[in-house]
Full PDB file with SEQRES, HELIX, SHEET, SSBOND, CRYST1, ORIGX, SCALE, CONECT and MASTER records, all heavy atoms in Angstrom:
SEQRES   1 A   31  VAL ALA GLY ALA VAL GLY GLN TYR ALA VAL SER THR ASP          
SEQRES   2 A   31  ASP THR ALA ARG PHE LEU PRO SER ASP ALA SER SER ARG          
SEQRES   3 A   31  GLN ALA LEU GLU ILE                                          
HELIX    1 AA1 ALA A    2  GLY A    6  1                                   5    
HELIX    2 AA2 GLN A    7  ALA A    9  5                                   3    
HELIX    3 AA3 THR A   15  PHE A   18  5                                   4    
HELIX    4 AA4 SER A   24  GLU A   30  1                                   7    
CRYST1    1.000    1.000    1.000  90.00  90.00  90.00 P 1           1          
ORIGX1      1.000000  0.000000  0.000000        0.00000                         
ORIGX2      0.000000  1.000000  0.000000        0.00000                         
ORIGX3      0.000000  0.000000  1.000000        0.00000                         
SCALE1      1.000000  0.000000  0.000000        0.00000                         
SCALE2      0.000000  1.000000  0.000000        0.00000                         
SCALE3      0.000000  0.000000  1.000000        0.00000                         
ATOM      1  N   VAL A   1       0.839  -1.195   0.048  1.00  0.00           N  
ATOM      2  CA  VAL A   1       0.008   0.028  -0.008  1.00  0.00           C  
ATOM      3  C   VAL A   1       0.837   1.195   0.005  1.00  0.00           C  
ATOM      4  O   VAL A   1       0.686   2.192  -0.768  1.00  0.00           O  
ATOM      5  CB  VAL A   1      -0.899  -0.019   1.190  1.00  0.00           C  
ATOM      6  CG1 VAL A   1      -1.626   1.330   1.378  1.00  0.00           C  
ATOM      7  CG2 VAL A   1      -1.918  -1.091   1.123  1.00  0.00           C  
ATOM      8  N   ALA A   2       1.905   1.244   0.812  1.00  0.00           N  
ATOM      9  CA  ALA A   2       2.835   2.419   0.867  1.00  0.00           C  
ATOM     10  C   ALA A   2       3.455   2.633  -0.541  1.00  0.00           C  
ATOM     11  O   ALA A   2       3.588   3.801  -0.979  1.00  0.00           O  
ATOM     12  CB  ALA A   2       3.915   2.104   1.909  1.00  0.00           C  
ATOM     13  N   GLY A   3       3.875   1.558  -1.239  1.00  0.00           N  
ATOM     14  CA  GLY A   3       4.436   1.702  -2.526  1.00  0.00           C  
ATOM     15  C   GLY A   3       3.407   2.256  -3.489  1.00  0.00           C  
ATOM     16  O   GLY A   3       3.741   3.005  -4.319  1.00  0.00           O  
ATOM     17  N   ALA A   4       2.059   1.733  -3.420  1.00  0.00           N  
ATOM     18  CA  ALA A   4       1.163   2.139  -4.408  1.00  0.00           C  
ATOM     19  C   ALA A   4       0.870   3.638  -4.328  1.00  0.00           C  
ATOM     20  O   ALA A   4       0.708   4.342  -5.277  1.00  0.00           O  
ATOM     21  CB  ALA A   4      -0.122   1.369  -4.308  1.00  0.00           C  
ATOM     22  N   VAL A   5       0.733   4.146  -3.058  1.00  0.00           N  
ATOM     23  CA  VAL A   5       0.392   5.575  -2.807  1.00  0.00           C  
ATOM     24  C   VAL A   5       1.546   6.479  -2.970  1.00  0.00           C  
ATOM     25  O   VAL A   5       1.440   7.637  -3.254  1.00  0.00           O  
ATOM     26  CB  VAL A   5      -0.288   5.772  -1.563  1.00  0.00           C  
ATOM     27  CG1 VAL A   5      -1.593   4.991  -1.413  1.00  0.00           C  
ATOM     28  CG2 VAL A   5       0.686   5.490  -0.373  1.00  0.00           C  
ATOM     29  N   GLY A   6       2.793   5.918  -2.891  1.00  0.00           N  
ATOM     30  CA  GLY A   6       3.936   6.839  -2.944  1.00  0.00           C  
ATOM     31  C   GLY A   6       4.791   6.689  -4.248  1.00  0.00           C  
ATOM     32  O   GLY A   6       5.719   7.387  -4.495  1.00  0.00           O  
ATOM     33  N   GLN A   7       4.290   5.796  -5.212  1.00  0.00           N  
ATOM     34  CA  GLN A   7       5.048   5.627  -6.381  1.00  0.00           C  
ATOM     35  C   GLN A   7       5.197   6.864  -7.276  1.00  0.00           C  
ATOM     36  O   GLN A   7       6.279   7.158  -7.831  1.00  0.00           O  
ATOM     37  CB  GLN A   7       4.510   4.558  -7.261  1.00  0.00           C  
ATOM     38  CG  GLN A   7       3.051   4.808  -7.768  1.00  0.00           C  
ATOM     39  CD  GLN A   7       2.627   3.679  -8.695  1.00  0.00           C  
ATOM     40  OE1 GLN A   7       3.332   3.092  -9.446  1.00  0.00           O  
ATOM     41  NE2 GLN A   7       1.319   3.259  -8.499  1.00  0.00           N  
ATOM     42  N   TYR A   8       4.197   7.708  -7.287  1.00  0.00           N  
ATOM     43  CA  TYR A   8       4.276   8.935  -8.145  1.00  0.00           C  
ATOM     44  C   TYR A   8       5.089   9.985  -7.507  1.00  0.00           C  
ATOM     45  O   TYR A   8       5.695  10.830  -8.281  1.00  0.00           O  
ATOM     46  CB  TYR A   8       2.760   9.472  -8.418  1.00  0.00           C  
ATOM     47  CG  TYR A   8       1.965   8.459  -9.147  1.00  0.00           C  
ATOM     48  CD1 TYR A   8       0.895   7.853  -8.404  1.00  0.00           C  
ATOM     49  CD2 TYR A   8       2.218   8.181 -10.421  1.00  0.00           C  
ATOM     50  CE1 TYR A   8       0.025   6.910  -9.067  1.00  0.00           C  
ATOM     51  CE2 TYR A   8       1.353   7.199 -11.098  1.00  0.00           C  
ATOM     52  CZ  TYR A   8       0.386   6.639 -10.383  1.00  0.00           C  
ATOM     53  OH  TYR A   8      -0.425   5.791 -11.072  1.00  0.00           O  
ATOM     54  N   ALA A   9       5.331   9.894  -6.246  1.00  0.00           N  
ATOM     55  CA  ALA A   9       6.175  10.930  -5.574  1.00  0.00           C  
ATOM     56  C   ALA A   9       7.716  10.604  -5.930  1.00  0.00           C  
ATOM     57  O   ALA A   9       8.509  11.612  -5.880  1.00  0.00           O  
ATOM     58  CB  ALA A   9       6.036  10.874  -4.062  1.00  0.00           C  
ATOM     59  N   VAL A  10       8.064   9.426  -6.317  1.00  0.00           N  
ATOM     60  CA  VAL A  10       9.429   9.066  -6.548  1.00  0.00           C  
ATOM     61  C   VAL A  10       9.596   8.676  -8.035  1.00  0.00           C  
ATOM     62  O   VAL A  10      10.622   8.224  -8.399  1.00  0.00           O  
ATOM     63  CB  VAL A  10       9.922   7.870  -5.611  1.00  0.00           C  
ATOM     64  CG1 VAL A  10       9.888   8.360  -4.172  1.00  0.00           C  
ATOM     65  CG2 VAL A  10       9.051   6.687  -5.872  1.00  0.00           C  
ATOM     66  N   SER A  11       8.543   8.934  -8.822  1.00  0.00           N  
ATOM     67  CA  SER A  11       8.752   8.561 -10.275  1.00  0.00           C  
ATOM     68  C   SER A  11       8.726   9.850 -11.170  1.00  0.00           C  
ATOM     69  O   SER A  11       8.136  10.855 -10.762  1.00  0.00           O  
ATOM     70  CB  SER A  11       7.523   7.727 -10.706  1.00  0.00           C  
ATOM     71  OG  SER A  11       7.392   6.425  -9.962  1.00  0.00           O  
ATOM     72  N   THR A  12       9.359   9.742 -12.265  1.00  0.00           N  
ATOM     73  CA  THR A  12       9.392  10.865 -13.158  1.00  0.00           C  
ATOM     74  C   THR A  12       9.149  10.361 -14.650  1.00  0.00           C  
ATOM     75  O   THR A  12       9.584   9.335 -14.938  1.00  0.00           O  
ATOM     76  CB  THR A  12      10.734  11.567 -13.095  1.00  0.00           C  
ATOM     77  OG1 THR A  12      10.777  12.670 -14.051  1.00  0.00           O  
ATOM     78  CG2 THR A  12      11.932  10.641 -13.345  1.00  0.00           C  
ATOM     79  N   ASP A  13       8.478  11.271 -15.388  1.00  0.00           N  
ATOM     80  CA  ASP A  13       8.334  10.971 -16.795  1.00  0.00           C  
ATOM     81  C   ASP A  13       9.376  11.673 -17.666  1.00  0.00           C  
ATOM     82  O   ASP A  13       9.314  11.673 -18.846  1.00  0.00           O  
ATOM     83  CB  ASP A  13       6.870  11.307 -17.281  1.00  0.00           C  
ATOM     84  CG  ASP A  13       6.624  12.735 -16.931  1.00  0.00           C  
ATOM     85  OD1 ASP A  13       7.466  13.459 -16.313  1.00  0.00           O  
ATOM     86  OD2 ASP A  13       5.457  13.221 -17.276  1.00  0.00           O  
ATOM     87  N   ASP A  14      10.321  12.271 -17.003  1.00  0.00           N  
ATOM     88  CA  ASP A  14      11.359  13.064 -17.666  1.00  0.00           C  
ATOM     89  C   ASP A  14      12.407  12.067 -18.042  1.00  0.00           C  
ATOM     90  O   ASP A  14      13.546  11.918 -17.380  1.00  0.00           O  
ATOM     91  CB  ASP A  14      11.903  14.147 -16.733  1.00  0.00           C  
ATOM     92  CG  ASP A  14      12.960  15.021 -17.453  1.00  0.00           C  
ATOM     93  OD1 ASP A  14      13.172  14.836 -18.700  1.00  0.00           O  
ATOM     94  OD2 ASP A  14      13.505  15.898 -16.808  1.00  0.00           O  
ATOM     95  N   THR A  15      12.284  11.414 -19.119  1.00  0.00           N  
ATOM     96  CA  THR A  15      13.244  10.334 -19.601  1.00  0.00           C  
ATOM     97  C   THR A  15      14.613  10.964 -19.969  1.00  0.00           C  
ATOM     98  O   THR A  15      15.659  10.220 -19.939  1.00  0.00           O  
ATOM     99  CB  THR A  15      12.720   9.433 -20.780  1.00  0.00           C  
ATOM    100  OG1 THR A  15      12.302  10.459 -21.825  1.00  0.00           O  
ATOM    101  CG2 THR A  15      11.432   8.804 -20.289  1.00  0.00           C  
ATOM    102  N   ALA A  16      14.694  12.187 -20.355  1.00  0.00           N  
ATOM    103  CA  ALA A  16      15.894  12.830 -20.783  1.00  0.00           C  
ATOM    104  C   ALA A  16      16.941  12.824 -19.686  1.00  0.00           C  
ATOM    105  O   ALA A  16      18.205  12.706 -19.938  1.00  0.00           O  
ATOM    106  CB  ALA A  16      15.661  14.175 -21.274  1.00  0.00           C  
ATOM    107  N   ARG A  17      16.456  12.845 -18.392  1.00  0.00           N  
ATOM    108  CA  ARG A  17      17.432  12.892 -17.300  1.00  0.00           C  
ATOM    109  C   ARG A  17      18.153  11.553 -17.157  1.00  0.00           C  
ATOM    110  O   ARG A  17      19.185  11.467 -16.463  1.00  0.00           O  
ATOM    111  CB  ARG A  17      16.770  13.332 -15.930  1.00  0.00           C  
ATOM    112  CG  ARG A  17      15.847  12.225 -15.443  1.00  0.00           C  
ATOM    113  CD  ARG A  17      15.374  12.657 -14.094  1.00  0.00           C  
ATOM    114  NE  ARG A  17      14.725  13.970 -14.095  1.00  0.00           N  
ATOM    115  CZ  ARG A  17      14.417  14.659 -12.987  1.00  0.00           C  
ATOM    116  NH1 ARG A  17      14.903  14.298 -11.784  1.00  0.00           N  
ATOM    117  NH2 ARG A  17      13.892  15.824 -13.130  1.00  0.00           N  
ATOM    118  N   PHE A  18      17.663  10.486 -17.692  1.00  0.00           N  
ATOM    119  CA  PHE A  18      18.265   9.182 -17.606  1.00  0.00           C  
ATOM    120  C   PHE A  18      19.299   8.995 -18.668  1.00  0.00           C  
ATOM    121  O   PHE A  18      20.095   7.994 -18.693  1.00  0.00           O  
ATOM    122  CB  PHE A  18      17.259   8.113 -17.700  1.00  0.00           C  
ATOM    123  CG  PHE A  18      16.171   8.084 -16.592  1.00  0.00           C  
ATOM    124  CD1 PHE A  18      14.968   8.280 -16.914  1.00  0.00           C  
ATOM    125  CD2 PHE A  18      16.675   7.787 -15.285  1.00  0.00           C  
ATOM    126  CE1 PHE A  18      13.957   8.310 -15.798  1.00  0.00           C  
ATOM    127  CE2 PHE A  18      15.792   7.904 -14.261  1.00  0.00           C  
ATOM    128  CZ  PHE A  18      14.440   8.112 -14.513  1.00  0.00           C  
ATOM    129  N   LEU A  19      19.423   9.943 -19.643  1.00  0.00           N  
ATOM    130  CA  LEU A  19      20.318   9.741 -20.736  1.00  0.00           C  
ATOM    131  C   LEU A  19      21.755  10.135 -20.305  1.00  0.00           C  
ATOM    132  O   LEU A  19      21.947  10.940 -19.392  1.00  0.00           O  
ATOM    133  CB  LEU A  19      19.883  10.675 -21.989  1.00  0.00           C  
ATOM    134  CG  LEU A  19      18.601  10.238 -22.609  1.00  0.00           C  
ATOM    135  CD1 LEU A  19      18.156  11.303 -23.630  1.00  0.00           C  
ATOM    136  CD2 LEU A  19      18.671   8.934 -23.284  1.00  0.00           C  
ATOM    137  N   PRO A  20      22.756   9.594 -21.006  1.00  0.00           N  
ATOM    138  CA  PRO A  20      24.158  10.067 -20.814  1.00  0.00           C  
ATOM    139  C   PRO A  20      24.346  11.567 -20.933  1.00  0.00           C  
ATOM    140  O   PRO A  20      23.579  12.165 -21.707  1.00  0.00           O  
ATOM    141  CB  PRO A  20      25.009   9.235 -21.693  1.00  0.00           C  
ATOM    142  CG  PRO A  20      24.137   8.034 -22.107  1.00  0.00           C  
ATOM    143  CD  PRO A  20      22.734   8.507 -22.026  1.00  0.00           C  
ATOM    144  N   SER A  21      25.292  12.076 -20.256  1.00  0.00           N  
ATOM    145  CA  SER A  21      25.453  13.541 -20.253  1.00  0.00           C  
ATOM    146  C   SER A  21      25.795  14.027 -21.741  1.00  0.00           C  
ATOM    147  O   SER A  21      25.580  15.227 -21.956  1.00  0.00           O  
ATOM    148  CB  SER A  21      26.594  13.953 -19.310  1.00  0.00           C  
ATOM    149  OG  SER A  21      27.730  13.331 -19.576  1.00  0.00           O  
ATOM    150  N   ASP A  22      26.350  13.233 -22.501  1.00  0.00           N  
ATOM    151  CA  ASP A  22      26.720  13.654 -23.904  1.00  0.00           C  
ATOM    152  C   ASP A  22      25.627  13.477 -24.958  1.00  0.00           C  
ATOM    153  O   ASP A  22      25.789  13.701 -26.128  1.00  0.00           O  
ATOM    154  CB  ASP A  22      27.980  12.916 -24.360  1.00  0.00           C  
ATOM    155  CG  ASP A  22      27.830  11.394 -24.370  1.00  0.00           C  
ATOM    156  OD1 ASP A  22      26.877  10.907 -23.796  1.00  0.00           O  
ATOM    157  OD2 ASP A  22      28.679  10.660 -24.943  1.00  0.00           O  
ATOM    158  N   ALA A  23      24.457  12.987 -24.507  1.00  0.00           N  
ATOM    159  CA  ALA A  23      23.298  12.797 -25.383  1.00  0.00           C  
ATOM    160  C   ALA A  23      22.789  14.148 -25.797  1.00  0.00           C  
ATOM    161  O   ALA A  23      22.650  15.033 -24.968  1.00  0.00           O  
ATOM    162  CB  ALA A  23      22.250  11.919 -24.737  1.00  0.00           C  
ATOM    163  N   SER A  24      22.503  14.338 -27.123  1.00  0.00           N  
ATOM    164  CA  SER A  24      22.044  15.578 -27.643  1.00  0.00           C  
ATOM    165  C   SER A  24      20.768  16.081 -27.048  1.00  0.00           C  
ATOM    166  O   SER A  24      20.540  17.297 -26.742  1.00  0.00           O  
ATOM    167  CB  SER A  24      21.992  15.594 -29.114  1.00  0.00           C  
ATOM    168  OG  SER A  24      21.071  14.580 -29.483  1.00  0.00           O  
ATOM    169  N   SER A  25      19.801  15.129 -26.773  1.00  0.00           N  
ATOM    170  CA  SER A  25      18.556  15.505 -26.267  1.00  0.00           C  
ATOM    171  C   SER A  25      18.653  15.967 -24.838  1.00  0.00           C  
ATOM    172  O   SER A  25      17.908  16.916 -24.308  1.00  0.00           O  
ATOM    173  CB  SER A  25      17.489  14.329 -26.276  1.00  0.00           C  
ATOM    174  OG  SER A  25      18.025  13.295 -25.643  1.00  0.00           O  
ATOM    175  N   ARG A  26      19.541  15.411 -23.994  1.00  0.00           N  
ATOM    176  CA  ARG A  26      19.683  15.811 -22.690  1.00  0.00           C  
ATOM    177  C   ARG A  26      20.451  17.180 -22.667  1.00  0.00           C  
ATOM    178  O   ARG A  26      20.071  18.105 -21.875  1.00  0.00           O  
ATOM    179  CB  ARG A  26      20.530  14.873 -21.919  1.00  0.00           C  
ATOM    180  CG  ARG A  26      20.886  15.276 -20.447  1.00  0.00           C  
ATOM    181  CD  ARG A  26      21.506  14.180 -19.598  1.00  0.00           C  
ATOM    182  NE  ARG A  26      21.706  14.670 -18.225  1.00  0.00           N  
ATOM    183  CZ  ARG A  26      22.065  13.909 -17.357  1.00  0.00           C  
ATOM    184  NH1 ARG A  26      22.202  12.587 -17.536  1.00  0.00           N  
ATOM    185  NH2 ARG A  26      22.330  14.360 -16.060  1.00  0.00           N  
ATOM    186  N   GLN A  27      21.350  17.445 -23.528  1.00  0.00           N  
ATOM    187  CA  GLN A  27      21.990  18.730 -23.588  1.00  0.00           C  
ATOM    188  C   GLN A  27      20.999  19.800 -24.007  1.00  0.00           C  
ATOM    189  O   GLN A  27      21.094  20.907 -23.525  1.00  0.00           O  
ATOM    190  CB  GLN A  27      23.176  18.700 -24.648  1.00  0.00           C  
ATOM    191  CG  GLN A  27      24.345  17.815 -24.195  1.00  0.00           C  
ATOM    192  CD  GLN A  27      25.379  17.609 -25.268  1.00  0.00           C  
ATOM    193  OE1 GLN A  27      25.192  18.104 -26.339  1.00  0.00           O  
ATOM    194  NE2 GLN A  27      26.478  17.016 -24.836  1.00  0.00           N  
ATOM    195  N   ALA A  28      20.151  19.475 -24.901  1.00  0.00           N  
ATOM    196  CA  ALA A  28      19.104  20.434 -25.349  1.00  0.00           C  
ATOM    197  C   ALA A  28      18.173  20.751 -24.133  1.00  0.00           C  
ATOM    198  O   ALA A  28      17.782  21.912 -24.027  1.00  0.00           O  
ATOM    199  CB  ALA A  28      18.302  19.884 -26.509  1.00  0.00           C  
ATOM    200  N   LEU A  29      17.868  19.743 -23.441  1.00  0.00           N  
ATOM    201  CA  LEU A  29      16.952  19.982 -22.259  1.00  0.00           C  
ATOM    202  C   LEU A  29      17.638  20.920 -21.153  1.00  0.00           C  
ATOM    203  O   LEU A  29      17.084  21.816 -20.662  1.00  0.00           O  
ATOM    204  CB  LEU A  29      16.586  18.679 -21.617  1.00  0.00           C  
ATOM    205  CG  LEU A  29      15.748  18.718 -20.349  1.00  0.00           C  
ATOM    206  CD1 LEU A  29      14.318  19.287 -20.617  1.00  0.00           C  
ATOM    207  CD2 LEU A  29      15.541  17.355 -19.652  1.00  0.00           C  
ATOM    208  N   GLU A  30      18.906  20.682 -21.016  1.00  0.00           N  
ATOM    209  CA  GLU A  30      19.702  21.559 -20.053  1.00  0.00           C  
ATOM    210  C   GLU A  30      19.685  22.967 -20.508  1.00  0.00           C  
ATOM    211  O   GLU A  30      19.633  23.934 -19.746  1.00  0.00           O  
ATOM    212  CB  GLU A  30      21.074  20.942 -19.758  1.00  0.00           C  
ATOM    213  CG  GLU A  30      20.991  19.550 -19.100  1.00  0.00           C  
ATOM    214  CD  GLU A  30      22.405  19.003 -18.901  1.00  0.00           C  
ATOM    215  OE1 GLU A  30      23.310  19.558 -19.596  1.00  0.00           O  
ATOM    216  OE2 GLU A  30      22.517  17.972 -18.157  1.00  0.00           O  
ATOM    217  N   ILE A  31      19.937  23.101 -21.840  1.00  0.00           N  
ATOM    218  CA  ILE A  31      19.932  24.486 -22.414  1.00  0.00           C  
ATOM    219  C   ILE A  31      18.601  25.119 -22.175  1.00  0.00           C  
ATOM    220  O   ILE A  31      18.515  26.387 -21.828  1.00  0.00           O  
ATOM    221  CB  ILE A  31      20.334  24.470 -23.841  1.00  0.00           C  
ATOM    222  CG1 ILE A  31      21.761  24.000 -23.993  1.00  0.00           C  
ATOM    223  CG2 ILE A  31      20.110  25.863 -24.578  1.00  0.00           C  
ATOM    224  CD1 ILE A  31      22.238  23.823 -25.502  1.00  0.00           C  
TER     225      ILE A  31                                                      
MASTER        0    0    0    4    0    0    0    6  224    1    0    3          
END                                                                             
C-alpha cells in the first residue's frame, strides 16, 4: 500500500534525465 500511494512521488516521466550527459537531447533540455 505504501508503494502504491507513494510511487508517483518518486517517479518521473522526464526520460531525458536518464540519458548520458553527452546525449544531444539531454544537452538540449539543459539548455
